Amino acid sequence: MKGTVESMGGRYKLPEGMADPCEVVIVAWPPGSQDIEVEDTQDRRWTVAHWLVDCGFEFYVGGRWVAESDPRILKRLEASLNRRAAGYSEEFRRRAEMILKRYGR
Protein backbone atom coordinates (compact mmCIF):
# COMPACT_ATOMS: atom_id res chain seq x y z
CA MET A 1 0.00 0.00 0.00
CA LYS A 2 1.33 3.43 -0.94
CA GLY A 3 1.44 6.29 1.50
CA THR A 4 3.15 9.47 2.58
CA VAL A 5 5.13 9.90 5.80
CA GLU A 6 5.27 13.39 7.23
CA SER A 7 6.19 15.07 10.51
CA MET A 8 2.86 16.90 10.71
CA GLY A 9 4.49 20.30 10.38
CA GLY A 10 7.40 19.36 12.63
CA ARG A 11 5.26 18.15 15.54
CA TYR A 12 6.75 14.64 15.27
CA LYS A 13 10.34 13.54 14.70
CA LEU A 14 11.09 11.46 11.61
CA PRO A 15 14.09 9.13 11.39
CA GLU A 16 17.36 10.91 10.69
CA GLY A 17 17.80 11.37 6.92
CA MET A 18 14.16 10.73 5.96
CA ALA A 19 12.60 13.36 3.68
CA ASP A 20 9.58 15.28 4.99
CA PRO A 21 7.22 14.46 3.36
CA CYS A 22 8.37 11.08 2.05
CA GLU A 23 6.49 8.88 -0.44
CA VAL A 24 6.59 5.27 0.79
CA VAL A 25 5.22 1.77 0.42
CA ILE A 26 4.25 -0.09 3.58
CA VAL A 27 6.20 -3.34 3.77
CA ALA A 28 5.36 -4.60 7.29
CA TRP A 29 3.02 -3.82 10.17
CA PRO A 30 3.43 -6.38 12.93
CA PRO A 31 0.14 -7.18 14.74
CA GLY A 32 -0.30 -5.01 17.80
CA SER A 33 2.63 -2.73 16.94
CA GLN A 34 2.40 1.04 16.74
CA ASP A 35 5.40 1.07 14.41
CA ILE A 36 5.39 0.06 10.77
CA GLU A 37 8.15 -0.60 8.29
CA VAL A 38 8.10 1.42 5.09
CA GLU A 39 10.28 1.67 1.99
CA ASP A 40 10.90 4.96 0.21
CA THR A 41 11.37 5.59 -3.51
CA GLN A 42 15.14 5.08 -3.10
CA ASP A 43 14.59 1.56 -1.69
CA ARG A 44 15.60 2.61 1.84
CA ARG A 45 13.68 1.01 4.71
CA TRP A 46 12.49 2.97 7.71
CA THR A 47 10.51 2.26 10.88
CA VAL A 48 7.96 4.94 11.77
CA ALA A 49 4.90 5.35 13.99
CA HIS A 50 1.76 4.31 12.11
CA TRP A 51 0.05 7.65 12.71
CA LEU A 52 2.70 9.41 10.62
CA VAL A 53 1.72 7.48 7.47
CA ASP A 54 -1.12 8.82 5.35
CA CYS A 55 -2.41 6.00 3.13
CA GLY A 56 -5.24 7.91 1.63
CA PHE A 57 -8.81 8.91 2.07
CA GLU A 58 -12.23 7.71 1.08
CA PHE A 59 -14.93 10.04 -0.15
CA TYR A 60 -18.71 9.58 0.05
CA VAL A 61 -20.05 9.78 -3.52
CA GLY A 62 -23.39 8.62 -4.86
CA GLY A 63 -24.35 6.86 -1.62
CA ARG A 64 -21.14 4.87 -1.17
CA TRP A 65 -17.55 5.29 -0.09
CA VAL A 66 -14.93 5.36 -2.86
CA ALA A 67 -11.14 5.47 -2.74
CA GLU A 68 -9.27 8.69 -3.38
CA SER A 69 -7.86 7.08 -6.54
CA ASP A 70 -11.32 7.00 -8.15
CA PRO A 71 -11.16 9.13 -11.34
CA ARG A 72 -14.26 11.09 -10.24
CA ILE A 73 -12.53 12.13 -7.03
CA LEU A 74 -9.31 13.14 -8.78
CA LYS A 75 -11.28 15.18 -11.31
CA ARG A 76 -13.21 16.98 -8.55
CA LEU A 77 -10.07 17.74 -6.58
CA GLU A 78 -8.39 19.18 -9.68
CA ALA A 79 -11.45 21.28 -10.45
CA SER A 80 -11.59 22.57 -6.87
CA LEU A 81 -7.95 23.61 -6.92
CA ASN A 82 -8.28 25.18 -10.37
CA ARG A 83 -11.26 27.26 -9.21
CA ARG A 84 -9.38 28.33 -6.09
CA ALA A 85 -12.78 28.46 -4.45
CA ALA A 86 -13.06 30.79 -1.50
CA GLY A 87 -13.63 29.06 1.77
CA TYR A 88 -11.25 26.14 1.22
CA SER A 89 -8.73 25.93 4.02
CA GLU A 90 -5.01 25.74 3.46
CA GLU A 91 -5.18 22.22 4.91
CA PHE A 92 -7.72 21.19 2.23
CA ARG A 93 -5.50 22.60 -0.51
CA ARG A 94 -2.42 20.83 0.88
CA ARG A 95 -4.23 17.47 1.16
CA ALA A 96 -5.78 17.81 -2.31
CA GLU A 97 -2.39 18.58 -3.84
CA MET A 98 -0.84 15.61 -2.01
CA ILE A 99 -3.57 13.24 -3.26
CA LEU A 100 -3.20 14.46 -6.84
CA LYS A 101 0.58 14.13 -6.68
CA ARG A 102 0.24 10.57 -5.35
CA TYR A 103 -1.57 9.66 -8.62
CA GLY A 104 0.68 11.59 -10.98
CA ARG A 105 -1.65 14.51 -11.59
Foldseek 3Di string as FASTA:
>chain_A
DKWWFACVVVVHDAPPPADHTFIWDFDADPPPDQWTWIAGPVRDIGIDGPVRIGPFDWDQDPNDTDTCPPPVNLVVLVVCVVVVDPPDDPVSVVVSVVSNVVVPD
